[in-house]
Amino acid sequence: MIPTDSSVPEPQDPDPDDPIAPDALVLTAAFEDPLDERRPWLERADLVDALEVPGAETPVYVTDSGIAVTTTGIGKSDAATTVTAILSSPGIDLESAYIVSCGIAGSSPETTALGSVAIADAVVDWDRKHRWDRRSDAAVPAPESAKPDDERRPIDLLAYRPRDYVHRLEEAVVDCAIEAARDVDLREDAAARDYQRSYPNAPGSGPTIERGTTVCGDEFWHGPRYAREVQWLCEQYGVGPYVTTQMEDAATATALERFGLRERYLSVRAVSNYDRAAPGQSVEESFDGNPASLALGIENAARVGDAVVETLVAADPLEIGAGDVD
């Protein structure tokens, strides 16, 4: 959804002779209710331009403060395609721009409260691994050197691994974002807190600001068994424990890396649901989440994202010229 006000510009084709040069590019994943992560960004801004970029999921909207906002679509292929299309467009110049993914995510109930916002310092690609069905080897005697843990664990690091599939984000950018985020007044919601209490191991507090690893994967996994596997993979890369889980950021970081822009990248994710069922709840019921916590996550992600983008542009920790006036 986008604001229906008549002031919203009609999308135009990018002009390679007069490219837009935003100070920041904000990437949300979804734009349809109830997962409309883009809505708060467009509702709070005066829009002055809109570009129809070939290959992008939706138009790129530009605010009067020089911030570009768009959606990538859900999942890694959509994210990589949209980001690459924008980076390749001659009508958009990101030479002096910070790039921020901003939206909702899952988390462990043992980690943080619903509505909390996490600034990622590492992004792990969950899909780059081996998954073994060891039951098919039941007729084959295990070698003497096999360890019981190895026999039980269904996943492992890739045998052919030219690099670890983790993006460690630029510390100066993350530090700047954390400082900005700590001054944000996070919204609380009584219904979301009631749902949080159904998890006995969840915090008793309201939303907080966190820093840590976000895990990205196309698989809609759910439950403590898979959470343990996610945790194991993060530990192998030396970035455990994970704080949030989502479906776009590893692809976005990879696309930016190919264009030499990954050091400008930041992931801001608010916890909208937990990655396992509460006692007495089915995994299907849990996966559907809670409407109150979903709305809370979308709102707090935008609140923190807005403050982070404003601070990054003003402070310009990488000295790339963001916010400069010609």
C-alpha atoms as a PDB file:
ATOM      1  CA  MET A   1       0.000   0.000   0.000  1.00  0.00           C
ATOM      2  CA  ILE A   2       1.077   3.595  -0.612  1.00  0.00           C
ATOM      3  CA  PRO A   3      -0.486   6.825   0.556  1.00  0.00           C
ATOM      4  CA  THR A   4      -3.454   7.792  -1.611  1.00  0.00           C
ATOM      5  CA  ASP A   5      -2.733  11.499  -1.330  1.00  0.00           C
ATOM      6  CA  SER A   6      -2.587  13.287  -4.688  1.00  0.00           C
ATOM      7  CA  SER A   7       0.914  14.514  -3.839  1.00  0.00           C
ATOM      8  CA  VAL A   8       2.369  11.040  -4.427  1.00  0.00           C
ATOM      9  CA  PRO A   9       4.323  11.312  -7.678  1.00  0.00           C
ATOM     10  CA  GLU A  10       3.630   9.000 -10.589  1.00  0.00           C
ATOM     11  CA  PRO A  11       6.553   6.648 -11.251  1.00  0.00           C
ATOM     12  CA  GLN A  12       8.754   7.737 -14.137  1.00  0.00           C
ATOM     13  CA  ASP A  13      11.510   6.011 -16.056  1.00  0.00           C
ATOM     14  CA  PRO A  14      14.999   6.763 -14.674  1.00  0.00           C
ATOM     15  CA  ASP A  15      16.873   9.506 -16.538  1.00  0.00           C
ATOM     16  CA  PRO A  16      20.520   8.526 -17.106  1.00  0.00           C
ATOM     17  CA  ASP A  17      21.303  12.164 -17.935  1.00  0.00           C
ATOM     18  CA  ASP A  18      19.887  13.354 -14.615  1.00  0.00           C
ATOM     19  CA  PRO A  19      20.221  10.495 -12.102  1.00  0.00           C
ATOM     20  CA  ILE A  20      18.896  10.774  -8.580  1.00  0.00           C
ATOM     21  CA  ALA A  21      21.614  10.648  -5.905  1.00  0.00           C
ATOM     22  CA  PRO A  22      19.989   9.756  -2.574  1.00  0.00           C
ATOM     23  CA  ASP A  23      21.860   9.973   0.712  1.00  0.00           C
ATOM     24  CA  ALA A  24      20.440   6.594   1.716  1.00  0.00           C
ATOM     25  CA  LEU A  25      18.496   3.721   0.183  1.00  0.00           C
ATOM     26  CA  VAL A  26      16.010   1.987   2.492  1.00  0.00           C
ATOM     27  CA  LEU A  27      15.048  -1.568   1.526  1.00  0.00           C
ATOM     28  CA  THR A  28      11.902  -3.129   2.930  1.00  0.00           C
ATOM     29  CA  ALA A  29      10.825  -6.607   1.883  1.00  0.00           C
ATOM     30  CA  ALA A  30       7.027  -6.488   1.761  1.00  0.00           C
ATOM     31  CA  PHE A  31       4.405  -3.916   0.831  1.00  0.00           C
ATOM     32  CA  GLU A  32       1.034  -5.632   1.246  1.00  0.00           C
ATOM     33  CA  ASP A  33      -1.030  -5.860   4.445  1.00  0.00           C
ATOM     34  CA  PRO A  34      -0.513  -7.283   6.974  1.00  0.00           C
ATOM     35  CA  LEU A  35       3.195  -7.337   6.082  1.00  0.00           C
ATOM     36  CA  ASP A  36       3.452  -3.776   4.814  1.00  0.00           C
ATOM     37  CA  GLU A  37       6.929  -2.772   6.025  1.00  0.00           C
ATOM     38  CA  ARG A  38       7.097   0.104   3.543  1.00  0.00           C
ATOM     39  CA  ARG A  39       3.946   1.925   4.641  1.00  0.00           C
ATOM     40  CA  PRO A  40       5.364   3.840   7.657  1.00  0.00           C
ATOM     41  CA  TRP A  41       8.260   5.127   5.567  1.00  0.00           C
ATOM     42  CA  LEU A  42       6.008   6.583   2.884  1.00  0.00           C
ATOM     43  CA  GLU A  43       3.328   7.878   5.230  1.00  0.00           C
ATOM     44  CA  ARG A  44       5.784   9.950   7.259  1.00  0.00           C
ATOM     45  CA  ALA A  45       7.588  11.528   4.312  1.00  0.00           C
ATOM     46  CA  ASP A  46       6.923  14.058   1.601  1.00  0.00           C
ATOM     47  CA  LEU A  47       7.549  12.206  -1.651  1.00  0.00           C
ATOM     48  CA  VAL A  48       9.147  14.227  -4.433  1.00  0.00           C
ATOM     49  CA  ASP A  49      10.025  11.576  -7.003  1.00  0.00           C
ATOM     50  CA  ALA A  50       9.339   7.983  -8.016  1.00  0.00           C
ATOM     51  CA  LEU A  51      11.287   5.828 -10.439  1.00  0.00           C
ATOM     52  CA  GLU A  52      10.141   2.694 -12.256  1.00  0.00           C
ATOM     53  CA  VAL A  53      13.402   0.712 -12.309  1.00  0.00           C
ATOM     54  CA  PRO A  54      13.382  -2.283 -14.682  1.00  0.00           C
ATOM     55  CA  GLY A  55      13.899  -5.460 -12.669  1.00  0.00           C
ATOM     56  CA  ALA A  56      12.905  -3.932  -9.325  1.00  0.00           C
ATOM     57  CA  GLU A  57       9.920  -5.208  -7.368  1.00  0.00           C
ATOM     58  CA  THR A  58       8.235  -1.819  -6.906  1.00  0.00           C
ATOM     59  CA  PRO A  59       9.032   1.821  -7.744  1.00  0.00           C
ATOM     60  CA  VAL A  60      11.827   3.608  -5.922  1.00  0.00           C
ATOM     61  CA  TYR A  61      10.262   6.518  -4.026  1.00  0.00           C
ATOM     62  CA  VAL A  62      12.371   9.540  -3.072  1.00  0.00           C
ATOM     63  CA  THR A  63      11.590  11.792  -0.109  1.00  0.00           C
ATOM     64  CA  ASP A  64      12.216  15.509   0.204  1.00  0.00           C
ATOM     65  CA  SER A  65      15.045  14.714   2.643  1.00  0.00           C
ATOM     66  CA  GLY A  66      16.927  12.755  -0.016  1.00  0.00           C
ATOM     67  CA  ILE A  67      16.084   9.220   1.124  1.00  0.00           C
ATOM     68  CA  ALA A  68      15.098   6.561  -1.422  1.00  0.00           C
ATOM     69  CA  VAL A  69      12.667   3.845  -0.298  1.00  0.00           C
ATOM     70  CA  THR A  70      11.641   0.676  -2.090  1.00  0.00           C
ATOM     71  CA  THR A  71      10.698  -2.956  -1.523  1.00  0.00           C
ATOM     72  CA  THR A  72      12.771  -5.917  -2.653  1.00  0.00           C
ATOM     73  CA  GLY A  73      10.164  -8.644  -2.430  1.00  0.00           C
ATOM     74  CA  ILE A  74      10.348 -11.537   0.026  1.00  0.00           C
ATOM     75  CA  GLY A  75      13.228 -14.001  -0.185  1.00  0.00           C
ATOM     76  CA  LYS A  76      16.778 -14.067  -1.433  1.00  0.00           C
ATOM     77  CA  SER A  77      16.151 -14.250  -5.184  1.00  0.00           C
ATOM     78  CA  ASP A  78      13.760 -11.292  -5.085  1.00  0.00           C
ATOM     79  CA  ALA A  79      16.137  -9.289  -2.918  1.00  0.00           C
ATOM     80  CA  ALA A  80      19.184  -9.981  -5.074  1.00  0.00           C
ATOM     81  CA  THR A  81      17.290  -9.178  -8.270  1.00  0.00           C
ATOM     82  CA  THR A  82      15.858  -5.898  -7.000  1.00  0.00           C
ATOM     83  CA  VAL A  83      19.108  -4.680  -5.455  1.00  0.00           C
ATOM     84  CA  THR A  84      21.103  -5.580  -8.556  1.00  0.00           C
ATOM     85  CA  ALA A  85      18.562  -3.806 -10.779  1.00  0.00           C
ATOM     86  CA  ILE A  86      18.874  -0.624  -8.706  1.00  0.00           C
ATOM     87  CA  LEU A  87      22.669  -0.809  -8.587  1.00  0.00           C
ATOM     88  CA  SER A  88      22.762  -1.274 -12.366  1.00  0.00           C
ATOM     89  CA  SER A  89      20.351   1.540 -13.161  1.00  0.00           C
ATOM     90  CA  PRO A  90      22.031   4.558 -14.802  1.00  0.00           C
ATOM     91  CA  GLY A  91      19.251   6.703 -13.350  1.00  0.00           C
ATOM     92  CA  ILE A  92      20.268   6.063  -9.725  1.00  0.00           C
ATOM     93  CA  ASP A  93      23.628   7.123  -8.281  1.00  0.00           C
ATOM     94  CA  LEU A  94      24.488   5.458  -4.956  1.00  0.00           C
ATOM     95  CA  GLU A  95      28.061   6.755  -4.819  1.00  0.00           C
ATOM     96  CA  SER A  96      27.330   8.688  -1.611  1.00  0.00           C
ATOM     97  CA  ALA A  97      24.536   6.570  -0.165  1.00  0.00           C
ATOM     98  CA  TYR A  98      24.185   4.253   2.801  1.00  0.00           C
ATOM     99  CA  ILE A  99      21.994   1.196   2.231  1.00  0.00           C
ATOM    100  CA  VAL A 100      19.736  -0.049   5.018  1.00  0.00           C
ATOM    101  CA  SER A 101      17.490  -3.102   5.089  1.00  0.00           C
ATOM    102  CA  CYS A 102      14.635  -2.397   7.479  1.00  0.00           C
ATOM    103  CA  GLY A 103      11.797  -4.703   8.421  1.00  0.00           C
ATOM    104  CA  ILE A 104      10.603  -7.505  10.658  1.00  0.00           C
ATOM    105  CA  ALA A 105      12.237 -10.752  11.704  1.00  0.00           C
ATOM    106  CA  GLY A 106      11.921 -13.781  13.917  1.00  0.00           C
ATOM    107  CA  SER A 107      13.897 -14.500  17.068  1.00  0.00           C
ATOM    108  CA  SER A 108      14.247 -17.044  19.835  1.00  0.00           C
ATOM    109  CA  PRO A 109      11.978 -16.397  22.838  1.00  0.00           C
ATOM    110  CA  GLU A 110      15.065 -16.840  25.011  1.00  0.00           C
ATOM    111  CA  THR A 111      16.809 -13.947  23.273  1.00  0.00           C
ATOM    112  CA  THR A 112      14.697 -10.829  23.365  1.00  0.00           C
ATOM    113  CA  ALA A 113      11.230  -9.316  23.741  1.00  0.00           C
ATOM    114  CA  LEU A 114       8.727  -8.960  20.922  1.00  0.00           C
ATOM    115  CA  GLY A 115       9.046  -5.554  19.282  1.00  0.00           C
ATOM    116  CA  SER A 116      12.769  -5.358  20.051  1.00  0.00           C
ATOM    117  CA  VAL A 117      14.987  -4.031  17.270  1.00  0.00           C
ATOM    118  CA  ALA A 118      18.319  -5.627  16.375  1.00  0.00           C
ATOM    119  CA  ILE A 119      21.172  -3.967  14.504  1.00  0.00           C
ATOM    120  CA  ALA A 120      23.108  -6.734  12.771  1.00  0.00           C
ATOM    121  CA  ASP A 121      26.887  -6.892  12.902  1.00  0.00           C
ATOM    122  CA  ALA A 122      26.952 -10.166  10.936  1.00  0.00           C
ATOM    123  CA  VAL A 123      24.676 -11.765   8.330  1.00  0.00           C
ATOM    124  CA  VAL A 124      24.780 -15.565   7.973  1.00  0.00           C
ATOM    125  CA  ASP A 125      23.492 -17.383   4.885  1.00  0.00           C
ATOM    126  CA  TRP A 126      21.505 -20.308   6.288  1.00  0.00           C
ATOM    127  CA  ASP A 127      21.044 -21.997   2.915  1.00  0.00           C
ATOM    128  CA  ARG A 128      24.759 -22.598   2.238  1.00  0.00           C
ATOM    129  CA  LYS A 129      25.244 -25.888   4.054  1.00  0.00           C
ATOM    130  CA  HIS A 130      24.953 -29.660   3.697  1.00  0.00           C
ATOM    131  CA  ARG A 131      21.810 -31.380   4.964  1.00  0.00           C
ATOM    132  CA  TRP A 132      22.154 -35.121   5.418  1.00  0.00           C
ATOM    133  CA  ASP A 133      19.452 -37.770   5.719  1.00  0.00           C
ATOM    134  CA  ARG A 134      21.547 -40.200   7.751  1.00  0.00           C
ATOM    135  CA  ARG A 135      18.665 -42.660   8.001  1.00  0.00           C
ATOM    136  CA  SER A 136      19.521 -43.802   4.461  1.00  0.00           C
ATOM    137  CA  ASP A 137      22.890 -45.000   5.802  1.00  0.00           C
ATOM    138  CA  ALA A 138      21.319 -47.274   8.426  1.00  0.00           C
ATOM    139  CA  ALA A 139      22.490 -50.441   6.682  1.00  0.00           C
ATOM    140  CA  VAL A 140      26.064 -49.184   6.451  1.00  0.00           C
ATOM    141  CA  PRO A 141      28.156 -49.663   9.606  1.00  0.00           C
ATOM    142  CA  ALA A 142      29.494 -46.367  10.956  1.00  0.00           C
ATOM    143  CA  PRO A 143      33.287 -46.079  10.832  1.00  0.00           C
ATOM    144  CA  GLU A 144      35.087 -46.444  14.148  1.00  0.00           C
ATOM    145  CA  SER A 145      36.163 -42.811  13.976  1.00  0.00           C
ATOM    146  CA  ALA A 146      32.575 -41.531  13.707  1.00  0.00           C
ATOM    147  CA  LYS A 147      31.439 -39.529  16.707  1.00  0.00           C
ATOM    148  CA  PRO A 148      27.880 -39.798  17.997  1.00  0.00           C
ATOM    149  CA  ASP A 149      27.361 -36.067  17.548  1.00  0.00           C
ATOM    150  CA  ASP A 150      28.348 -36.366  13.893  1.00  0.00           C
ATOM    151  CA  GLU A 151      25.825 -39.161  13.374  1.00  0.00           C
ATOM    152  CA  ARG A 152      22.976 -37.198  14.923  1.00  0.00           C
ATOM    153  CA  ARG A 153      23.621 -33.783  13.378  1.00  0.00           C
ATOM    154  CA  PRO A 154      21.735 -33.453  10.062  1.00  0.00           C
ATOM    155  CA  ILE A 155      23.695 -30.445   8.778  1.00  0.00           C
ATOM    156  CA  ASP A 156      27.326 -29.598   8.170  1.00  0.00           C
ATOM    157  CA  LEU A 157      29.465 -26.933   6.569  1.00  0.00           C
ATOM    158  CA  LEU A 158      29.873 -27.225   2.821  1.00  0.00           C
ATOM    159  CA  ALA A 159      32.750 -29.452   1.793  1.00  0.00           C
ATOM    160  CA  TYR A 160      33.542 -27.040  -1.046  1.00  0.00           C
ATOM    161  CA  ARG A 161      33.561 -23.662   0.629  1.00  0.00           C
ATOM    162  CA  PRO A 162      35.687 -20.978  -1.035  1.00  0.00           C
ATOM    163  CA  ARG A 163      34.681 -18.678   1.808  1.00  0.00           C
ATOM    164  CA  ASP A 164      32.551 -18.714   4.910  1.00  0.00           C
ATOM    165  CA  TYR A 165      29.003 -17.664   4.075  1.00  0.00           C
ATOM    166  CA  VAL A 166      28.821 -14.869   6.597  1.00  0.00           C
ATOM    167  CA  HIS A 167      28.994 -11.120   5.976  1.00  0.00           C
ATOM    168  CA  ARG A 168      30.670  -9.237   8.808  1.00  0.00           C
ATOM    169  CA  LEU A 169      29.342  -5.706   8.552  1.00  0.00           C
ATOM    170  CA  GLU A 170      31.410  -2.530   8.861  1.00  0.00           C
ATOM    171  CA  GLU A 171      31.985  -1.823  12.542  1.00  0.00           C
ATOM    172  CA  ALA A 172      31.940   1.966  12.209  1.00  0.00           C
ATOM    173  CA  VAL A 173      28.530   1.863  10.517  1.00  0.00           C
ATOM    174  CA  VAL A 174      27.109  -0.574  13.074  1.00  0.00           C
ATOM    175  CA  ASP A 175      28.458   1.480  15.997  1.00  0.00           C
ATOM    176  CA  CYS A 176      26.922   4.655  14.575  1.00  0.00           C
ATOM    177  CA  ALA A 177      23.568   2.910  14.147  1.00  0.00           C
ATOM    178  CA  ILE A 178      23.584   1.496  17.675  1.00  0.00           C
ATOM    179  CA  GLU A 179      24.157   4.952  19.153  1.00  0.00           C
ATOM    180  CA  ALA A 180      21.262   6.364  17.131  1.00  0.00           C
ATOM    181  CA  ALA A 181      18.966   3.463  18.009  1.00  0.00           C
ATOM    182  CA  ARG A 182      19.444   3.818  21.757  1.00  0.00           C
ATOM    183  CA  ASP A 183      17.716   7.220  21.717  1.00  0.00           C
ATOM    184  CA  VAL A 184      14.569   5.883  20.018  1.00  0.00           C
ATOM    185  CA  ASP A 185      11.346   5.576  22.002  1.00  0.00           C
ATOM    186  CA  LEU A 186      10.212   2.049  21.174  1.00  0.00           C
ATOM    187  CA  ARG A 187       6.464   1.483  21.165  1.00  0.00           C
ATOM    188  CA  GLU A 188       5.021  -1.114  23.526  1.00  0.00           C
ATOM    189  CA  ASP A 189       1.778  -3.032  23.113  1.00  0.00           C
ATOM    190  CA  ALA A 190      -0.235  -4.771  25.812  1.00  0.00           C
ATOM    191  CA  ALA A 191      -1.575  -7.477  23.482  1.00  0.00           C
ATOM    192  CA  ALA A 192       1.920  -8.273  22.214  1.00  0.00           C
ATOM    193  CA  ARG A 193       3.168  -8.458  25.821  1.00  0.00           C
ATOM    194  CA  ASP A 194       0.347 -10.869  26.705  1.00  0.00           C
ATOM    195  CA  TYR A 195       1.358 -13.096  23.788  1.00  0.00           C
ATOM    196  CA  GLN A 196       5.003 -12.881  24.892  1.00  0.00           C
ATOM    197  CA  ARG A 197       4.012 -14.151  28.355  1.00  0.00           C
ATOM    198  CA  SER A 198       2.771 -17.392  26.776  1.00  0.00           C
ATOM    199  CA  TYR A 199       6.466 -18.264  26.351  1.00  0.00           C
ATOM    200  CA  PRO A 200       7.823 -19.086  29.831  1.00  0.00           C
ATOM    201  CA  ASN A 201      11.441 -18.474  28.763  1.00  0.00           C
ATOM    202  CA  ALA A 202      10.761 -15.122  27.110  1.00  0.00           C
ATOM    203  CA  PRO A 203      11.953 -11.905  28.783  1.00  0.00           C
ATOM    204  CA  GLY A 204       9.593 -10.178  31.132  1.00  0.00           C
ATOM    205  CA  SER A 205      10.579  -6.789  29.772  1.00  0.00           C
ATOM    206  CA  GLY A 206       9.350  -4.720  26.870  1.00  0.00           C
ATOM    207  CA  PRO A 207      11.207  -4.069  23.602  1.00  0.00           C
ATOM    208  CA  THR A 208      14.928  -3.308  23.669  1.00  0.00           C
ATOM    209  CA  ILE A 209      17.734  -2.467  21.235  1.00  0.00           C
ATOM    210  CA  GLU A 210      20.019  -5.396  20.441  1.00  0.00           C
ATOM    211  CA  ARG A 211      23.198  -6.006  18.464  1.00  0.00           C
ATOM    212  CA  GLY A 212      24.232  -9.314  16.937  1.00  0.00           C
ATOM    213  CA  THR A 213      23.919 -11.838  14.150  1.00  0.00           C
ATOM    214  CA  THR A 214      20.993 -12.085  11.752  1.00  0.00           C
ATOM    215  CA  VAL A 215      20.446 -15.340   9.840  1.00  0.00           C
ATOM    216  CA  CYS A 216      19.012 -15.295   6.321  1.00  0.00           C
ATOM    217  CA  GLY A 217      17.374 -18.201   4.559  1.00  0.00           C
ATOM    218  CA  ASP A 218      14.685 -19.006   2.010  1.00  0.00           C
ATOM    219  CA  GLU A 219      13.408 -21.903   4.112  1.00  0.00           C
ATOM    220  CA  PHE A 220      10.383 -21.203   6.328  1.00  0.00           C
ATOM    221  CA  TRP A 221      11.718 -23.235   9.245  1.00  0.00           C
ATOM    222  CA  HIS A 222      10.072 -23.297  12.676  1.00  0.00           C
ATOM    223  CA  GLY A 223      10.764 -25.079  15.953  1.00  0.00           C
ATOM    224  CA  PRO A 224      13.553 -25.661  18.515  1.00  0.00           C
ATOM    225  CA  ARG A 225      15.177 -28.503  16.564  1.00  0.00           C
ATOM    226  CA  TYR A 226      15.875 -26.245  13.604  1.00  0.00           C
ATOM    227  CA  ALA A 227      16.802 -23.366  15.895  1.00  0.00           C
ATOM    228  CA  ARG A 228      19.565 -25.538  17.341  1.00  0.00           C
ATOM    229  CA  GLU A 229      20.856 -26.167  13.821  1.00  0.00           C
ATOM    230  CA  VAL A 230      20.831 -22.436  13.071  1.00  0.00           C
ATOM    231  CA  GLN A 231      22.721 -21.814  16.293  1.00  0.00           C
ATOM    232  CA  TRP A 232      25.287 -24.488  15.389  1.00  0.00           C
ATOM    233  CA  LEU A 233      25.936 -22.953  11.974  1.00  0.00           C
ATOM    234  CA  CYS A 234      26.463 -19.513  13.497  1.00  0.00           C
ATOM    235  CA  GLU A 235      28.908 -20.964  16.011  1.00  0.00           C
ATOM    236  CA  GLN A 236      30.929 -22.576  13.213  1.00  0.00           C
ATOM    237  CA  TYR A 237      31.415 -19.120  11.722  1.00  0.00           C
ATOM    238  CA  GLY A 238      32.250 -17.605  15.098  1.00  0.00           C
ATOM    239  CA  VAL A 239      29.236 -15.266  15.152  1.00  0.00           C
ATOM    240  CA  GLY A 240      26.850 -17.053  17.510  1.00  0.00           C
ATOM    241  CA  PRO A 241      24.388 -16.650  19.069  1.00  0.00           C
ATOM    242  CA  TYR A 242      21.929 -15.455  16.455  1.00  0.00           C
ATOM    243  CA  VAL A 243      19.560 -12.627  17.365  1.00  0.00           C
ATOM    244  CA  THR A 244      17.167 -12.455  14.392  1.00  0.00           C
ATOM    245  CA  THR A 245      16.159 -14.523  11.373  1.00  0.00           C
ATOM    246  CA  GLN A 246      14.878 -13.208   8.045  1.00  0.00           C
ATOM    247  CA  MET A 247      14.894 -13.973   4.301  1.00  0.00           C
ATOM    248  CA  GLU A 248      16.649 -11.190   2.363  1.00  0.00           C
ATOM    249  CA  ASP A 249      19.778  -9.751   3.948  1.00  0.00           C
ATOM    250  CA  ALA A 250      22.418 -12.261   2.830  1.00  0.00           C
ATOM    251  CA  ALA A 251      21.318 -11.752  -0.782  1.00  0.00           C
ATOM    252  CA  THR A 252      21.314  -7.975  -0.399  1.00  0.00           C
ATOM    253  CA  ALA A 253      24.782  -8.012   1.169  1.00  0.00           C
ATOM    254  CA  THR A 254      26.113 -10.263  -1.602  1.00  0.00           C
ATOM    255  CA  ALA A 255      24.769  -8.014  -4.356  1.00  0.00           C
ATOM    256  CA  LEU A 256      26.268  -4.960  -2.659  1.00  0.00           C
ATOM    257  CA  GLU A 257      29.581  -6.770  -2.243  1.00  0.00           C
ATOM    258  CA  ARG A 258      29.741  -7.490  -5.979  1.00  0.00           C
ATOM    259  CA  PHE A 259      29.339  -3.746  -6.621  1.00  0.00           C
ATOM    260  CA  GLY A 260      31.873  -2.753  -3.963  1.00  0.00           C
ATOM    261  CA  LEU A 261      29.295  -1.208  -1.632  1.00  0.00           C
ATOM    262  CA  ARG A 262      28.883  -3.712   1.190  1.00  0.00           C
ATOM    263  CA  GLU A 263      30.723  -1.515   3.712  1.00  0.00           C
ATOM    264  CA  ARG A 264      27.788   0.959   3.495  1.00  0.00           C
ATOM    265  CA  TYR A 265      25.243  -1.755   4.345  1.00  0.00           C
ATOM    266  CA  LEU A 266      23.213  -2.103   7.522  1.00  0.00           C
ATOM    267  CA  SER A 267      20.405  -4.410   8.645  1.00  0.00           C
ATOM    268  CA  VAL A 268      17.740  -3.139  11.055  1.00  0.00           C
ATOM    269  CA  ARG A 269      15.235  -5.826  12.061  1.00  0.00           C
ATOM    270  CA  ALA A 270      12.417  -5.780  14.618  1.00  0.00           C
ATOM    271  CA  VAL A 271      11.238  -8.995  16.278  1.00  0.00           C
ATOM    272  CA  SER A 272       7.653  -9.708  15.223  1.00  0.00           C
ATOM    273  CA  ASN A 273       7.439 -13.398  16.158  1.00  0.00           C
ATOM    274  CA  TYR A 274       9.265 -16.238  17.853  1.00  0.00           C
ATOM    275  CA  ASP A 275      10.824 -19.121  15.960  1.00  0.00           C
ATOM    276  CA  ARG A 276       9.058 -21.869  17.880  1.00  0.00           C
ATOM    277  CA  ALA A 277       5.693 -22.663  19.441  1.00  0.00           C
ATOM    278  CA  ALA A 278       4.623 -21.704  22.955  1.00  0.00           C
ATOM    279  CA  PRO A 279       3.504 -24.483  25.323  1.00  0.00           C
ATOM    280  CA  GLY A 280       0.182 -25.852  24.158  1.00  0.00           C
ATOM    281  CA  GLN A 281       0.492 -24.219  20.751  1.00  0.00           C
ATOM    282  CA  SER A 282       1.015 -26.008  17.420  1.00  0.00           C
ATOM    283  CA  VAL A 283       3.867 -24.976  15.160  1.00  0.00           C
ATOM    284  CA  GLU A 284       1.326 -23.907  12.548  1.00  0.00           C
ATOM    285  CA  GLU A 285      -0.427 -21.622  15.034  1.00  0.00           C
ATOM    286  CA  SER A 286       2.883 -20.238  16.195  1.00  0.00           C
ATOM    287  CA  PHE A 287       4.159 -19.660  12.682  1.00  0.00           C
ATOM    288  CA  ASP A 288       1.138 -17.519  11.869  1.00  0.00           C
ATOM    289  CA  GLY A 289       2.298 -15.238  14.665  1.00  0.00           C
ATOM    290  CA  ASN A 290       0.296 -12.635  16.516  1.00  0.00           C
ATOM    291  CA  PRO A 291      -1.314  -9.594  14.822  1.00  0.00           C
ATOM    292  CA  ALA A 292      -0.299  -7.287  17.675  1.00  0.00           C
ATOM    293  CA  SER A 293       3.365  -8.322  17.657  1.00  0.00           C
ATOM    294  CA  LEU A 294       3.459  -8.106  13.855  1.00  0.00           C
ATOM    295  CA  ALA A 295       2.168  -4.519  13.885  1.00  0.00           C
ATOM    296  CA  LEU A 296       4.527  -3.680  16.756  1.00  0.00           C
ATOM    297  CA  GLY A 297       7.520  -5.034  14.855  1.00  0.00           C
ATOM    298  CA  ILE A 298       6.695  -3.044  11.716  1.00  0.00           C
ATOM    299  CA  GLU A 299       6.284   0.162  13.724  1.00  0.00           C
ATOM    300  CA  ASN A 300       9.446  -0.207  15.819  1.00  0.00           C
ATOM    301  CA  ALA A 301      11.541  -1.214  12.807  1.00  0.00           C
ATOM    302  CA  ALA A 302      10.516   2.007  11.062  1.00  0.00           C
ATOM    303  CA  ARG A 303      11.105   4.131  14.165  1.00  0.00           C
ATOM    304  CA  VAL A 304      14.620   2.832  14.631  1.00  0.00           C
ATOM    305  CA  GLY A 305      15.356   2.706  10.919  1.00  0.00           C
ATOM    306  CA  ASP A 306      14.388   6.344  10.495  1.00  0.00           C
ATOM    307  CA  ALA A 307      16.655   7.447  13.352  1.00  0.00           C
ATOM    308  CA  VAL A 308      19.519   5.292  12.096  1.00  0.00           C
ATOM    309  CA  VAL A 309      19.289   6.600   8.527  1.00  0.00           C
ATOM    310  CA  GLU A 310      19.146  10.211   9.707  1.00  0.00           C
ATOM    311  CA  THR A 311      22.212   9.709  11.906  1.00  0.00           C
ATOM    312  CA  LEU A 312      24.207   7.835   9.266  1.00  0.00           C
ATOM    313  CA  VAL A 313      23.609  10.603   6.746  1.00  0.00           C
ATOM    314  CA  ALA A 314      24.499  13.352   9.227  1.00  0.00           C
ATOM    315  CA  ALA A 315      27.521  11.641  10.813  1.00  0.00           C
ATOM    316  CA  ASP A 316      28.740   9.931   7.633  1.00  0.00           C
ATOM    317  CA  PRO A 317      31.021   7.481   9.498  1.00  0.00           C
ATOM    318  CA  LEU A 318      32.671   6.261   6.267  1.00  0.00           C
ATOM    319  CA  GLU A 319      33.133   9.795   4.893  1.00  0.00           C
ATOM    320  CA  ILE A 320      31.472   8.933   1.593  1.00  0.00           C
ATOM    321  CA  GLY A 321      29.839  12.338   1.199  1.00  0.00           C
ATOM    322  CA  ALA A 322      26.339  11.415   2.372  1.00  0.00           C
ATOM    323  CA  GLY A 323      24.334  14.510   3.173  1.00  0.00           C
ATOM    324  CA  ASP A 324      26.680  16.851   1.293  1.00  0.00           C
ATOM    325  CA  VAL A 325      24.959  19.732  -0.424  1.00  0.00           C
ATOM    326  CA  ASP A 326      26.327  20.712  -3.804  1.00  0.00           C
END
